[in-house]
């Protein structure tokens, strides 16, 4: 799970001038359009500019600290953060 979250970070940071898809899952069934294109032997044309380096560097530390395996293990049980959230939705 940790590697998937880190892959999503780099995937969202990448753009046409800087491809950051090395962490993305490879193969034809990947959610990453770049990796699917590589698998199919096609050229991927990314139209998005990507995030500026200043933004990447300022958010990376916080994002990676949230990717801590202890924090992510709390997400595996599938429950919501607020115990009353499901109950309030029913009412």
PDB file of N, CA and C in Angstrom:
ATOM      1  N   UNK A   1       0.818  -1.186   0.000  1.00  0.00           N
ATOM      2  CA  UNK A   1       0.000   0.000   0.000  1.00  0.00           C
ATOM      3  C   UNK A   1       0.868   1.258   0.000  1.00  0.00           C
ATOM      4  N   UNK A   2       1.961   1.207   0.718  1.00  0.00           N
ATOM      5  CA  UNK A   2       2.848   2.358   0.797  1.00  0.00           C
ATOM      6  C   UNK A   2       3.438   2.684  -0.574  1.00  0.00           C
ATOM      7  N   UNK A   3       3.849   1.672  -1.320  1.00  0.00           N
ATOM      8  CA  UNK A   3       4.424   1.925  -2.644  1.00  0.00           C
ATOM      9  C   UNK A   3       3.381   2.481  -3.607  1.00  0.00           C
ATOM     10  N   UNK A   4       2.122   2.078  -3.461  1.00  0.00           N
ATOM     11  CA  UNK A   4       1.054   2.604  -4.317  1.00  0.00           C
ATOM     12  C   UNK A   4       0.798   4.080  -4.022  1.00  0.00           C
ATOM     13  N   UNK A   5       0.849   4.460  -2.764  1.00  0.00           N
ATOM     14  CA  UNK A   5       0.628   5.857  -2.387  1.00  0.00           C
ATOM     15  C   UNK A   5       1.783   6.725  -2.880  1.00  0.00           C
ATOM     16  N   UNK A   6       2.997   6.222  -2.753  1.00  0.00           N
ATOM     17  CA  UNK A   6       4.164   6.961  -3.240  1.00  0.00           C
ATOM     18  C   UNK A   6       4.117   7.079  -4.758  1.00  0.00           C
ATOM     19  N   UNK A   7       3.700   6.020  -5.436  1.00  0.00           N
ATOM     20  CA  UNK A   7       3.571   6.056  -6.899  1.00  0.00           C
ATOM     21  C   UNK A   7       2.557   7.104  -7.326  1.00  0.00           C
ATOM     22  N   UNK A   8       1.468   7.214  -6.600  1.00  0.00           N
ATOM     23  CA  UNK A   8       0.442   8.213  -6.921  1.00  0.00           C
ATOM     24  C   UNK A   8       0.992   9.628  -6.769  1.00  0.00           C
ATOM     25  N   UNK A   9       1.834   9.847  -5.771  1.00  0.00           N
ATOM     26  CA  UNK A   9       2.436  11.170  -5.582  1.00  0.00           C
ATOM     27  C   UNK A   9       3.285  11.551  -6.786  1.00  0.00           C
ATOM     28  N   UNK A  10       4.211  10.682  -7.163  1.00  0.00           N
ATOM     29  CA  UNK A  10       5.085  10.989  -8.291  1.00  0.00           C
ATOM     30  C   UNK A  10       4.306  11.079  -9.597  1.00  0.00           C
ATOM     31  N   UNK A  11       3.284  10.256  -9.754  1.00  0.00           N
ATOM     32  CA  UNK A  11       2.454  10.292 -10.954  1.00  0.00           C
ATOM     33  C   UNK A  11       1.777  11.656 -11.084  1.00  0.00           C
ATOM     34  N   UNK A  12       1.245  12.168  -9.990  1.00  0.00           N
ATOM     35  CA  UNK A  12       0.556  13.465 -10.019  1.00  0.00           C
ATOM     36  C   UNK A  12       1.523  14.630 -10.210  1.00  0.00           C
ATOM     37  N   UNK A  13       2.758  14.453  -9.822  1.00  0.00           N
ATOM     38  CA  UNK A  13       3.754  15.516  -9.983  1.00  0.00           C
ATOM     39  C   UNK A  13       4.285  15.602 -11.406  1.00  0.00           C
ATOM     40  N   UNK A  14       4.219  14.524 -12.151  1.00  0.00           N
ATOM     41  CA  UNK A  14       4.840  14.481 -13.472  1.00  0.00           C
ATOM     42  C   UNK A  14       4.055  15.287 -14.493  1.00  0.00           C
ATOM     43  N   UNK A  15       4.750  15.669 -15.543  1.00  0.00           N
ATOM     44  CA  UNK A  15       4.141  16.424 -16.628  1.00  0.00           C
ATOM     45  C   UNK A  15       4.908  16.194 -17.910  1.00  0.00           C
ATOM     46  N   UNK A  16       4.586  16.986 -18.926  1.00  0.00           N
ATOM     47  CA  UNK A  16       5.191  16.764 -20.233  1.00  0.00           C
ATOM     48  C   UNK A  16       6.698  17.011 -20.234  1.00  0.00           C
ATOM     49  N   UNK A  17       7.187  17.867 -19.367  1.00  0.00           N
ATOM     50  CA  UNK A  17       8.619  18.162 -19.330  1.00  0.00           C
ATOM     51  C   UNK A  17       9.393  17.299 -18.348  1.00  0.00           C
ATOM     52  N   UNK A  18       8.681  16.631 -17.450  1.00  0.00           N
ATOM     53  CA  UNK A  18       9.380  15.781 -16.480  1.00  0.00           C
ATOM     54  C   UNK A  18       8.503  14.572 -16.173  1.00  0.00           C
ATOM     55  N   UNK A  19       8.862  13.444 -16.752  1.00  0.00           N
ATOM     56  CA  UNK A  19       8.120  12.201 -16.549  1.00  0.00           C
ATOM     57  C   UNK A  19       8.605  11.543 -15.257  1.00  0.00           C
ATOM     58  N   UNK A  20       7.676  11.284 -14.346  1.00  0.00           N
ATOM     59  CA  UNK A  20       8.023  10.682 -13.056  1.00  0.00           C
ATOM     60  C   UNK A  20       7.153   9.447 -12.826  1.00  0.00           C
ATOM     61  N   UNK A  21       7.198   8.523 -13.773  1.00  0.00           N
ATOM     62  CA  UNK A  21       6.317   7.360 -13.727  1.00  0.00           C
ATOM     63  C   UNK A  21       7.047   6.058 -13.376  1.00  0.00           C
ATOM     64  N   UNK A  22       8.274   6.151 -12.874  1.00  0.00           N
ATOM     65  CA  UNK A  22       9.034   4.936 -12.548  1.00  0.00           C
ATOM     66  C   UNK A  22       8.389   4.128 -11.425  1.00  0.00           C
ATOM     67  N   UNK A  23       7.685   4.796 -10.519  1.00  0.00           N
ATOM     68  CA  UNK A  23       7.038   4.119  -9.392  1.00  0.00           C
ATOM     69  C   UNK A  23       5.680   3.529  -9.764  1.00  0.00           C
ATOM     70  N   UNK A  24       5.107   3.980 -10.876  1.00  0.00           N
ATOM     71  CA  UNK A  24       3.769   3.530 -11.283  1.00  0.00           C
ATOM     72  C   UNK A  24       3.791   2.051 -11.656  1.00  0.00           C
ATOM     73  N   UNK A  25       2.679   1.343 -11.437  1.00  0.00           N
ATOM     74  CA  UNK A  25       2.634  -0.072 -11.815  1.00  0.00           C
ATOM     75  C   UNK A  25       2.773  -0.232 -13.323  1.00  0.00           C
ATOM     76  N   UNK A  26       3.527  -1.231 -13.720  1.00  0.00           N
ATOM     77  CA  UNK A  26       3.795  -1.463 -15.137  1.00  0.00           C
ATOM     78  C   UNK A  26       2.798  -2.467 -15.708  1.00  0.00           C
ATOM     79  N   UNK A  27       2.626  -2.416 -17.023  1.00  0.00           N
ATOM     80  CA  UNK A  27       1.772  -3.390 -17.686  1.00  0.00           C
ATOM     81  C   UNK A  27       0.567  -2.759 -18.350  1.00  0.00           C
ATOM     82  N   UNK A  28      -0.140  -3.568 -19.094  1.00  0.00           N
ATOM     83  CA  UNK A  28      -1.295  -3.109 -19.846  1.00  0.00           C
ATOM     84  C   UNK A  28      -2.502  -2.786 -18.997  1.00  0.00           C
ATOM     85  N   UNK A  29      -2.562  -3.328 -17.794  1.00  0.00           N
ATOM     86  CA  UNK A  29      -3.717  -3.058 -16.930  1.00  0.00           C
ATOM     87  C   UNK A  29      -3.407  -2.008 -15.854  1.00  0.00           C
ATOM     88  N   UNK A  30      -2.329  -1.263 -16.033  1.00  0.00           N
ATOM     89  CA  UNK A  30      -1.946  -0.227 -15.076  1.00  0.00           C
ATOM     90  C   UNK A  30      -2.904   0.951 -15.143  1.00  0.00           C
ATOM     91  N   UNK A  31      -3.105   1.643 -14.023  1.00  0.00           N
ATOM     92  CA  UNK A  31      -3.918   2.850 -14.013  1.00  0.00           C
ATOM     93  C   UNK A  31      -3.156   4.030 -14.603  1.00  0.00           C
ATOM     94  N   UNK A  32      -1.851   3.881 -14.773  1.00  0.00           N
ATOM     95  CA  UNK A  32      -1.002   4.938 -15.320  1.00  0.00           C
ATOM     96  C   UNK A  32      -1.011   4.869 -16.849  1.00  0.00           C
ATOM     97  N   UNK A  33      -1.468   5.932 -17.483  1.00  0.00           N
ATOM     98  CA  UNK A  33      -1.541   5.955 -18.947  1.00  0.00           C
ATOM     99  C   UNK A  33      -0.157   5.863 -19.580  1.00  0.00           C
ATOM    100  N   UNK A  34       0.848   6.431 -18.921  1.00  0.00           N
ATOM    101  CA  UNK A  34       2.213   6.359 -19.433  1.00  0.00           C
ATOM    102  C   UNK A  34       2.699   4.912 -19.470  1.00  0.00           C
ATOM    103  N   UNK A  35       2.515   4.177 -18.376  1.00  0.00           N
ATOM    104  CA  UNK A  35       2.968   2.785 -18.318  1.00  0.00           C
ATOM    105  C   UNK A  35       2.178   1.896 -19.276  1.00  0.00           C
ATOM    106  N   UNK A  36       0.889   2.186 -19.472  1.00  0.00           N
ATOM    107  CA  UNK A  36       0.101   1.427 -20.453  1.00  0.00           C
ATOM    108  C   UNK A  36       0.632   1.662 -21.858  1.00  0.00           C
ATOM    109  N   UNK A  37       0.982   2.913 -22.170  1.00  0.00           N
ATOM    110  CA  UNK A  37       1.524   3.235 -23.491  1.00  0.00           C
ATOM    111  C   UNK A  37       2.863   2.545 -23.712  1.00  0.00           C
ATOM    112  N   UNK A  38       3.717   2.526 -22.702  1.00  0.00           N
ATOM    113  CA  UNK A  38       5.006   1.836 -22.806  1.00  0.00           C
ATOM    114  C   UNK A  38       4.786   0.351 -23.054  1.00  0.00           C
ATOM    115  N   UNK A  39       3.846  -0.237 -22.347  1.00  0.00           N
ATOM    116  CA  UNK A  39       3.548  -1.661 -22.502  1.00  0.00           C
ATOM    117  C   UNK A  39       3.053  -1.973 -23.917  1.00  0.00           C
ATOM    118  N   UNK A  40       2.263  -1.069 -24.485  1.00  0.00           N
ATOM    119  CA  UNK A  40       1.707  -1.276 -25.821  1.00  0.00           C
ATOM    120  C   UNK A  40       2.651  -0.813 -26.925  1.00  0.00           C
ATOM    121  N   UNK A  41       3.805  -0.260 -26.562  1.00  0.00           N
ATOM    122  CA  UNK A  41       4.774   0.199 -27.547  1.00  0.00           C
ATOM    123  C   UNK A  41       4.383   1.505 -28.215  1.00  0.00           C
ATOM    124  N   UNK A  42       3.531   2.276 -27.575  1.00  0.00           N
ATOM    125  CA  UNK A  42       3.078   3.552 -28.125  1.00  0.00           C
ATOM    126  C   UNK A  42       3.828   4.701 -27.458  1.00  0.00           C
ATOM    127  N   UNK A  43       3.769   5.846 -28.102  1.00  0.00           N
ATOM    128  CA  UNK A  43       4.369   7.053 -27.538  1.00  0.00           C
ATOM    129  C   UNK A  43       3.298   7.779 -26.732  1.00  0.00           C
ATOM    130  N   UNK A  44       3.604   8.055 -25.485  1.00  0.00           N
ATOM    131  CA  UNK A  44       2.661   8.753 -24.620  1.00  0.00           C
ATOM    132  C   UNK A  44       2.893  10.255 -24.724  1.00  0.00           C
ATOM    133  N   UNK A  45       1.843  10.991 -25.003  1.00  0.00           N
ATOM    134  CA  UNK A  45       1.927  12.447 -25.087  1.00  0.00           C
ATOM    135  C   UNK A  45       1.199  13.032 -23.884  1.00  0.00           C
ATOM    136  N   UNK A  46       1.972  13.588 -22.980  1.00  0.00           N
ATOM    137  CA  UNK A  46       1.405  14.197 -21.775  1.00  0.00           C
ATOM    138  C   UNK A  46       1.193  15.679 -22.040  1.00  0.00           C
ATOM    139  N   UNK A  47      -0.022  16.143 -21.852  1.00  0.00           N
ATOM    140  CA  UNK A  47      -0.348  17.544 -22.126  1.00  0.00           C
ATOM    141  C   UNK A  47      -0.257  18.423 -20.887  1.00  0.00           C
ATOM    142  N   UNK A  48      -0.236  17.809 -19.722  1.00  0.00           N
ATOM    143  CA  UNK A  48      -0.223  18.603 -18.490  1.00  0.00           C
ATOM    144  C   UNK A  48       1.186  19.134 -18.210  1.00  0.00           C
ATOM    145  N   UNK A  49       1.281  20.322 -17.635  1.00  0.00           N
ATOM    146  CA  UNK A  49       2.596  20.888 -17.345  1.00  0.00           C
ATOM    147  C   UNK A  49       3.277  20.246 -16.142  1.00  0.00           C
ATOM    148  N   UNK A  50       2.524  19.564 -15.297  1.00  0.00           N
ATOM    149  CA  UNK A  50       3.096  18.988 -14.081  1.00  0.00           C
ATOM    150  C   UNK A  50       3.232  20.042 -12.995  1.00  0.00           C
ATOM    151  N   UNK A  51       3.635  19.611 -11.841  1.00  0.00           N
ATOM    152  CA  UNK A  51       3.802  20.547 -10.725  1.00  0.00           C
ATOM    153  C   UNK A  51       5.189  21.180 -10.764  1.00  0.00           C
ATOM    154  N   UNK A  52       5.294  22.441 -10.383  1.00  0.00           N
ATOM    155  CA  UNK A  52       6.613  23.079 -10.293  1.00  0.00           C
ATOM    156  C   UNK A  52       7.456  22.421  -9.197  1.00  0.00           C
ATOM    157  N   UNK A  53       8.773  22.481  -9.377  1.00  0.00           N
ATOM    158  CA  UNK A  53       9.686  21.856  -8.411  1.00  0.00           C
ATOM    159  C   UNK A  53       9.514  22.421  -7.005  1.00  0.00           C
ATOM    160  N   UNK A  54       9.220  23.699  -6.888  1.00  0.00           N
ATOM    161  CA  UNK A  54       9.022  24.301  -5.560  1.00  0.00           C
ATOM    162  C   UNK A  54       7.855  23.649  -4.829  1.00  0.00           C
ATOM    163  N   UNK A  55       6.782  23.396  -5.541  1.00  0.00           N
ATOM    164  CA  UNK A  55       5.602  22.761  -4.941  1.00  0.00           C
ATOM    165  C   UNK A  55       5.913  21.310  -4.584  1.00  0.00           C
ATOM    166  N   UNK A  56       6.588  20.607  -5.482  1.00  0.00           N
ATOM    167  CA  UNK A  56       6.943  19.204  -5.223  1.00  0.00           C
ATOM    168  C   UNK A  56       7.802  19.106  -3.970  1.00  0.00           C
ATOM    169  N   UNK A  57       8.824  19.946  -3.888  1.00  0.00           N
ATOM    170  CA  UNK A  57       9.742  19.890  -2.744  1.00  0.00           C
ATOM    171  C   UNK A  57       9.067  20.280  -1.434  1.00  0.00           C
ATOM    172  N   UNK A  58       8.137  21.221  -1.488  1.00  0.00           N
ATOM    173  CA  UNK A  58       7.493  21.645  -0.242  1.00  0.00           C
ATOM    174  C   UNK A  58       6.454  20.636   0.247  1.00  0.00           C
ATOM    175  N   UNK A  59       5.826  19.911  -0.656  1.00  0.00           N
ATOM    176  CA  UNK A  59       4.798  18.948  -0.237  1.00  0.00           C
ATOM    177  C   UNK A  59       5.340  17.535  -0.037  1.00  0.00           C
ATOM    178  N   UNK A  60       6.488  17.245  -0.604  1.00  0.00           N
ATOM    179  CA  UNK A  60       7.024  15.878  -0.560  1.00  0.00           C
ATOM    180  C   UNK A  60       7.264  15.401   0.872  1.00  0.00           C
ATOM    181  N   UNK A  61       7.853  16.229   1.708  1.00  0.00           N
ATOM    182  CA  UNK A  61       8.155  15.808   3.081  1.00  0.00           C
ATOM    183  C   UNK A  61       6.893  15.470   3.851  1.00  0.00           C
ATOM    184  N   UNK A  62       5.894  16.326   3.737  1.00  0.00           N
ATOM    185  CA  UNK A  62       4.628  16.080   4.429  1.00  0.00           C
ATOM    186  C   UNK A  62       3.947  14.842   3.875  1.00  0.00           C
ATOM    187  N   UNK A  63       3.925  14.718   2.564  1.00  0.00           N
ATOM    188  CA  UNK A  63       3.269  13.582   1.920  1.00  0.00           C
ATOM    189  C   UNK A  63       3.933  12.266   2.325  1.00  0.00           C
ATOM    190  N   UNK A  64       5.261  12.248   2.321  1.00  0.00           N
ATOM    191  CA  UNK A  64       5.972  11.020   2.674  1.00  0.00           C
ATOM    192  C   UNK A  64       5.796  10.672   4.149  1.00  0.00           C
ATOM    193  N   UNK A  65       5.673  11.672   5.006  1.00  0.00           N
ATOM    194  CA  UNK A  65       5.432  11.368   6.421  1.00  0.00           C
ATOM    195  C   UNK A  65       4.038  10.777   6.618  1.00  0.00           C
ATOM    196  N   UNK A  66       3.083  11.181   5.776  1.00  0.00           N
ATOM    197  CA  UNK A  66       1.740  10.598   5.838  1.00  0.00           C
ATOM    198  C   UNK A  66       1.706   9.191   5.248  1.00  0.00           C
ATOM    199  N   UNK A  67       2.746   8.820   4.510  1.00  0.00           N
ATOM    200  CA  UNK A  67       2.840   7.477   3.922  1.00  0.00           C
ATOM    201  C   UNK A  67       3.498   6.485   4.871  1.00  0.00           C
ATOM    202  N   UNK A  68       3.693   6.882   6.099  1.00  0.00           N
ATOM    203  CA  UNK A  68       4.296   5.999   7.090  1.00  0.00           C
ATOM    204  C   UNK A  68       3.473   4.719   7.209  1.00  0.00           C
ATOM    205  N   UNK A  69       4.142   3.590   7.273  1.00  0.00           N
ATOM    206  CA  UNK A  69       3.434   2.305   7.304  1.00  0.00           C
ATOM    207  C   UNK A  69       2.520   2.178   8.523  1.00  0.00           C
ATOM    208  N   UNK A  70       2.884   2.805   9.647  1.00  0.00           N
ATOM    209  CA  UNK A  70       2.009   2.758  10.829  1.00  0.00           C
ATOM    210  C   UNK A  70       0.702   3.504  10.586  1.00  0.00           C
ATOM    211  N   UNK A  71       0.787   4.641   9.908  1.00  0.00           N
ATOM    212  CA  UNK A  71      -0.432   5.397   9.599  1.00  0.00           C
ATOM    213  C   UNK A  71      -1.282   4.671   8.559  1.00  0.00           C
ATOM    214  N   UNK A  72      -0.628   4.119   7.547  1.00  0.00           N
ATOM    215  CA  UNK A  72      -1.376   3.432   6.493  1.00  0.00           C
ATOM    216  C   UNK A  72      -2.031   2.152   6.994  1.00  0.00           C
ATOM    217  N   UNK A  73      -1.437   1.514   7.989  1.00  0.00           N
ATOM    218  CA  UNK A  73      -2.034   0.283   8.515  1.00  0.00           C
ATOM    219  C   UNK A  73      -3.395   0.557   9.156  1.00  0.00           C
ATOM    220  N   UNK A  74      -3.605   1.780   9.610  1.00  0.00           N
ATOM    221  CA  UNK A  74      -4.896   2.141  10.193  1.00  0.00           C
ATOM    222  C   UNK A  74      -5.988   2.254   9.131  1.00  0.00           C
ATOM    223  N   UNK A  75      -5.592   2.394   7.879  1.00  0.00           N
ATOM    224  CA  UNK A  75      -6.568   2.516   6.783  1.00  0.00           C
ATOM    225  C   UNK A  75      -7.003   1.156   6.248  1.00  0.00           C
ATOM    226  N   UNK A  76      -6.306   0.107   6.591  1.00  0.00           N
ATOM    227  CA  UNK A  76      -6.577  -1.206   6.005  1.00  0.00           C
ATOM    228  C   UNK A  76      -7.893  -1.819   6.452  1.00  0.00           C
ATOM    229  N   UNK A  77      -8.377  -1.468   7.628  1.00  0.00           N
ATOM    230  CA  UNK A  77      -9.598  -2.102   8.126  1.00  0.00           C
ATOM    231  C   UNK A  77     -10.839  -1.584   7.420  1.00  0.00           C
ATOM    232  N   UNK A  78     -10.750  -0.489   6.677  1.00  0.00           N
ATOM    233  CA  UNK A  78     -11.864   0.002   5.876  1.00  0.00           C
ATOM    234  C   UNK A  78     -12.916   0.783   6.629  1.00  0.00           C
ATOM    235  N   UNK A  79     -12.686   1.098   7.872  1.00  0.00           N
ATOM    236  CA  UNK A  79     -13.659   1.868   8.648  1.00  0.00           C
ATOM    237  C   UNK A  79     -13.433   3.355   8.411  1.00  0.00           C
ATOM    238  N   UNK A  80     -14.447   4.137   8.719  1.00  0.00           N
ATOM    239  CA  UNK A  80     -14.312   5.577   8.563  1.00  0.00           C
ATOM    240  C   UNK A  80     -13.612   6.159   9.780  1.00  0.00           C
ATOM    241  N   UNK A  81     -13.119   7.361   9.626  1.00  0.00           N
ATOM    242  CA  UNK A  81     -12.432   8.021  10.728  1.00  0.00           C
ATOM    243  C   UNK A  81     -13.415   8.353  11.845  1.00  0.00           C
ATOM    244  N   UNK A  82     -14.610   8.733  11.478  1.00  0.00           N
ATOM    245  CA  UNK A  82     -15.618   9.121  12.452  1.00  0.00           C
ATOM    246  C   UNK A  82     -16.622   7.980  12.599  1.00  0.00           C
ATOM    247  N   UNK A  83     -16.746   7.417  13.791  1.00  0.00           N
ATOM    248  CA  UNK A  83     -17.654   6.292  14.007  1.00  0.00           C
ATOM    249  C   UNK A  83     -19.107   6.655  13.757  1.00  0.00           C
ATOM    250  N   UNK A  84     -19.476   7.909  13.974  1.00  0.00           N
ATOM    251  CA  UNK A  84     -20.858   8.338  13.782  1.00  0.00           C
ATOM    252  C   UNK A  84     -21.178   8.698  12.335  1.00  0.00           C
ATOM    253  N   UNK A  85     -20.182   8.716  11.482  1.00  0.00           N
ATOM    254  CA  UNK A  85     -20.387   9.151  10.109  1.00  0.00           C
ATOM    255  C   UNK A  85     -21.407   8.279   9.383  1.00  0.00           C
ATOM    256  N   UNK A  86     -21.278   6.989   9.482  1.00  0.00           N
ATOM    257  CA  UNK A  86     -22.221   6.086   8.820  1.00  0.00           C
ATOM    258  C   UNK A  86     -23.608   6.214   9.429  1.00  0.00           C
ATOM    259  N   UNK A  87     -23.682   6.336  10.734  1.00  0.00           N
ATOM    260  CA  UNK A  87     -24.966   6.481  11.409  1.00  0.00           C
ATOM    261  C   UNK A  87     -25.664   7.774  10.978  1.00  0.00           C
ATOM    262  N   UNK A  88     -24.911   8.869  10.904  1.00  0.00           N
ATOM    263  CA  UNK A  88     -25.491  10.149  10.499  1.00  0.00           C
ATOM    264  C   UNK A  88     -25.967  10.120   9.055  1.00  0.00           C
ATOM    265  N   UNK A  89     -25.335   9.343   8.222  1.00  0.00           N
ATOM    266  CA  UNK A  89     -25.738   9.222   6.826  1.00  0.00           C
ATOM    267  C   UNK A  89     -27.084   8.519   6.706  1.00  0.00           C
ATOM    268  N   UNK A  90     -27.367   7.601   7.612  1.00  0.00           N
ATOM    269  CA  UNK A  90     -28.629   6.866   7.592  1.00  0.00           C
ATOM    270  C   UNK A  90     -29.777   7.765   8.023  1.00  0.00           C
ATOM    271  N   UNK A  91     -29.507   8.657   8.969  1.00  0.00           N
ATOM    272  CA  UNK A  91     -30.565   9.532   9.510  1.00  0.00           C
ATOM    273  C   UNK A  91     -30.921  10.567   8.535  1.00  0.00           C
TER     274      UNK A  91
END
